[in-house]
Amino acid sequence: MNKFDYIKFQNDLLSILNDVISNLEQKDICGFSLSSDEDARSVNASFNTKKHLLKCWEEDQDEDKQYYKWYPAEWKEEGINNDNLNQLSLELFNLKHSEEDAELTKKAIFELLVDTLKKLKETGTFNSFGNEFVLVFNVTDSDNLEDDLRWIKELNSENLFL
């Protein structure tokens, strides 16, 4: 069983995301997300725009506005198509581990993805996106609200979700 190189994976992901983010039309971006599936076998990036968010709020006034703000499945671009990001997903998909290690590996990958978003934030990657910009990590097939809220609080200032 090969040992997964978390540091190399994160460095590769940071490089890919910096490239992806630098190519976005930054003036309208209001959210960026990393997602994985419930088994931590993929990594996807998404972004939202202010224009799209306002359109969702207008079209569905009965829905809580927070839903559209924080849920990447409703964002402008869910799952940015990027060959390098797809290659990292393939690495996760092919990752070999014992059944006993599966839960620990999954949690470690989730935390690595959250940490990657934190590193991007700390280096100022998102500074030009404005004060209402949100960062999200989510697990696509999960309904674990406790983890979702913890990650949102770790990635964003409190005034964004009060």
Protein backbone atom coordinates (compact mmCIF):
# COMPACT_ATOMS: atom_id res chain seq x y z
CA MET A 1 0.00 0.00 0.00
CA ASN A 2 1.51 3.34 -1.08
CA LYS A 3 1.48 6.14 1.43
CA PHE A 4 -0.55 9.13 0.26
CA ASP A 5 1.53 12.31 0.09
CA TYR A 6 -0.82 14.86 1.65
CA ILE A 7 1.70 17.70 1.35
CA LYS A 8 2.31 17.15 -2.37
CA PHE A 9 -1.42 16.79 -2.99
CA GLN A 10 -2.16 20.05 -1.19
CA ASN A 11 0.65 21.90 -2.96
CA ASP A 12 -0.63 20.65 -6.33
CA LEU A 13 -4.17 21.67 -5.38
CA LEU A 14 -3.05 25.13 -4.26
CA SER A 15 -1.24 25.67 -7.55
CA ILE A 16 -4.24 24.52 -9.59
CA LEU A 17 -6.69 26.64 -7.60
CA ASN A 18 -4.53 29.74 -7.82
CA ASP A 19 -4.56 29.32 -11.60
CA VAL A 20 -8.34 28.68 -11.69
CA ILE A 21 -9.11 31.65 -9.44
CA SER A 22 -6.83 34.02 -11.34
CA ASN A 23 -8.84 33.26 -14.50
CA LEU A 24 -12.22 34.15 -12.94
CA GLU A 25 -13.89 37.49 -13.63
CA GLN A 26 -13.30 38.63 -10.07
CA LYS A 27 -15.53 41.69 -9.83
CA ASP A 28 -18.75 39.66 -9.68
CA ILE A 29 -17.61 36.60 -7.68
CA CYS A 30 -19.33 36.24 -4.30
CA GLY A 31 -18.43 32.67 -3.33
CA PHE A 32 -15.88 29.91 -3.86
CA SER A 33 -16.15 26.31 -2.76
CA LEU A 34 -14.30 23.04 -2.64
CA SER A 35 -16.40 19.90 -2.46
CA SER A 36 -15.82 16.21 -2.13
CA ASP A 37 -18.08 13.20 -2.13
CA GLU A 38 -18.99 11.30 1.02
CA ASP A 39 -16.10 8.84 0.54
CA ALA A 40 -13.51 11.61 -0.11
CA ARG A 41 -12.78 10.19 -3.56
CA SER A 42 -13.02 13.50 -5.46
CA VAL A 43 -12.34 17.20 -5.27
CA ASN A 44 -14.36 19.82 -7.13
CA ALA A 45 -14.32 23.60 -7.16
CA SER A 46 -17.34 25.87 -7.63
CA PHE A 47 -17.98 29.59 -7.69
CA ASN A 48 -20.95 31.88 -7.45
CA THR A 49 -21.59 35.35 -8.83
CA LYS A 50 -23.55 38.22 -7.33
CA LYS A 51 -25.70 38.38 -10.46
CA HIS A 52 -26.59 34.68 -10.20
CA LEU A 53 -27.26 34.92 -6.46
CA LEU A 54 -29.62 37.87 -6.92
CA LYS A 55 -31.41 36.03 -9.73
CA CYS A 56 -31.97 33.00 -7.48
CA TRP A 57 -33.31 35.22 -4.71
CA GLU A 58 -35.68 36.92 -7.16
CA GLU A 59 -36.94 33.70 -8.75
CA ASP A 60 -37.50 31.84 -5.47
CA GLN A 61 -38.59 34.34 -2.87
CA ASP A 62 -40.06 31.59 -0.67
CA GLU A 63 -36.66 29.97 -0.14
CA ASP A 64 -34.38 31.19 2.64
CA LYS A 65 -31.75 33.45 1.05
CA GLN A 66 -29.04 31.73 3.09
CA TYR A 67 -29.67 28.53 1.14
CA TYR A 68 -28.55 30.12 -2.13
CA LYS A 69 -25.67 31.91 -0.45
CA TRP A 70 -24.08 28.83 1.14
CA TYR A 71 -25.12 25.84 -1.00
CA PRO A 72 -22.72 25.33 -3.97
CA ALA A 73 -25.15 23.06 -5.82
CA GLU A 74 -27.20 26.22 -6.50
CA TRP A 75 -24.26 28.37 -7.54
CA LYS A 76 -23.39 29.77 -10.96
CA GLU A 77 -20.70 27.18 -11.68
CA GLU A 78 -20.90 23.92 -9.77
CA GLY A 79 -17.91 21.77 -10.57
CA ILE A 80 -15.44 23.88 -12.54
CA ASN A 81 -14.17 21.80 -15.44
CA ASN A 82 -10.39 21.63 -15.11
CA ASP A 83 -8.17 18.76 -16.31
CA ASN A 84 -5.65 19.22 -13.49
CA LEU A 85 -8.38 19.21 -10.86
CA ASN A 86 -9.84 16.10 -12.48
CA GLN A 87 -6.41 14.46 -12.22
CA LEU A 88 -6.33 15.15 -8.46
CA SER A 89 -9.78 13.60 -8.17
CA LEU A 90 -8.43 10.53 -9.93
CA GLU A 91 -5.61 10.35 -7.37
CA LEU A 92 -8.19 10.38 -4.57
CA PHE A 93 -10.36 7.84 -6.39
CA ASN A 94 -7.39 5.46 -6.76
CA LEU A 95 -6.16 5.95 -3.21
CA LYS A 96 -5.71 2.58 -1.53
CA HIS A 97 -6.34 2.13 2.18
CA SER A 98 -7.61 -0.57 4.49
CA GLU A 99 -11.21 -0.63 5.67
CA GLU A 100 -9.98 0.18 9.16
CA ASP A 101 -8.27 3.34 7.86
CA ALA A 102 -11.14 4.47 5.62
CA GLU A 103 -12.81 6.79 8.13
CA LEU A 104 -9.54 8.37 9.28
CA THR A 105 -8.40 8.87 5.68
CA LYS A 106 -11.72 10.45 4.74
CA LYS A 107 -11.59 12.89 7.65
CA ALA A 108 -7.96 13.74 6.88
CA ILE A 109 -8.79 14.52 3.25
CA PHE A 110 -11.77 16.67 4.24
CA GLU A 111 -9.62 18.64 6.68
CA LEU A 112 -6.88 18.97 4.06
CA LEU A 113 -9.42 20.53 1.66
CA VAL A 114 -10.65 22.93 4.34
CA ASP A 115 -7.04 23.78 5.18
CA THR A 116 -6.37 24.47 1.49
CA LEU A 117 -9.16 27.04 1.43
CA LYS A 118 -7.75 28.60 4.61
CA LYS A 119 -4.29 28.83 3.03
CA LEU A 120 -5.72 30.53 -0.05
CA LYS A 121 -7.55 32.99 2.19
CA GLU A 122 -4.47 33.66 4.34
CA THR A 123 -2.36 34.46 1.27
CA GLY A 124 -4.89 37.05 0.12
CA THR A 125 -6.16 35.09 -2.89
CA PHE A 126 -9.73 36.23 -2.27
CA ASN A 127 -9.07 39.79 -1.10
CA SER A 128 -10.33 41.40 -4.30
CA PHE A 129 -13.71 39.64 -4.11
CA GLY A 130 -15.23 42.00 -1.54
CA ASN A 131 -16.61 41.87 2.00
CA GLU A 132 -19.63 39.65 1.23
CA PHE A 133 -17.50 36.90 -0.36
CA VAL A 134 -17.99 33.44 1.20
CA LEU A 135 -15.86 30.31 1.29
CA VAL A 136 -17.47 26.90 1.56
CA PHE A 137 -16.34 23.33 1.90
CA ASN A 138 -19.05 20.75 1.58
CA VAL A 139 -19.53 17.04 1.14
CA THR A 140 -21.96 16.49 -1.70
CA ASP A 141 -23.69 13.32 -0.53
CA SER A 142 -23.88 14.19 3.14
CA ASP A 143 -26.45 15.83 5.34
CA ASN A 144 -24.12 16.35 8.31
CA LEU A 145 -25.18 19.89 9.20
CA GLU A 146 -22.84 19.99 12.20
CA ASP A 147 -19.73 19.56 10.03
CA ASP A 148 -21.07 21.95 7.37
CA LEU A 149 -21.59 24.70 9.96
CA ARG A 150 -18.21 24.08 11.59
CA TRP A 151 -16.44 24.42 8.25
CA ILE A 152 -18.39 27.57 7.35
CA LYS A 153 -17.43 29.14 10.68
CA GLU A 154 -13.77 28.17 10.21
CA LEU A 155 -13.63 29.69 6.73
CA ASN A 156 -15.63 32.90 7.13
CA SER A 157 -15.96 35.85 9.44
CA GLU A 158 -18.94 35.70 11.80
CA ASN A 159 -20.70 38.71 10.30
CA LEU A 160 -21.32 36.72 7.07
CA PHE A 161 -23.57 34.13 8.67
CA LEU A 162 -25.29 35.97 11.52
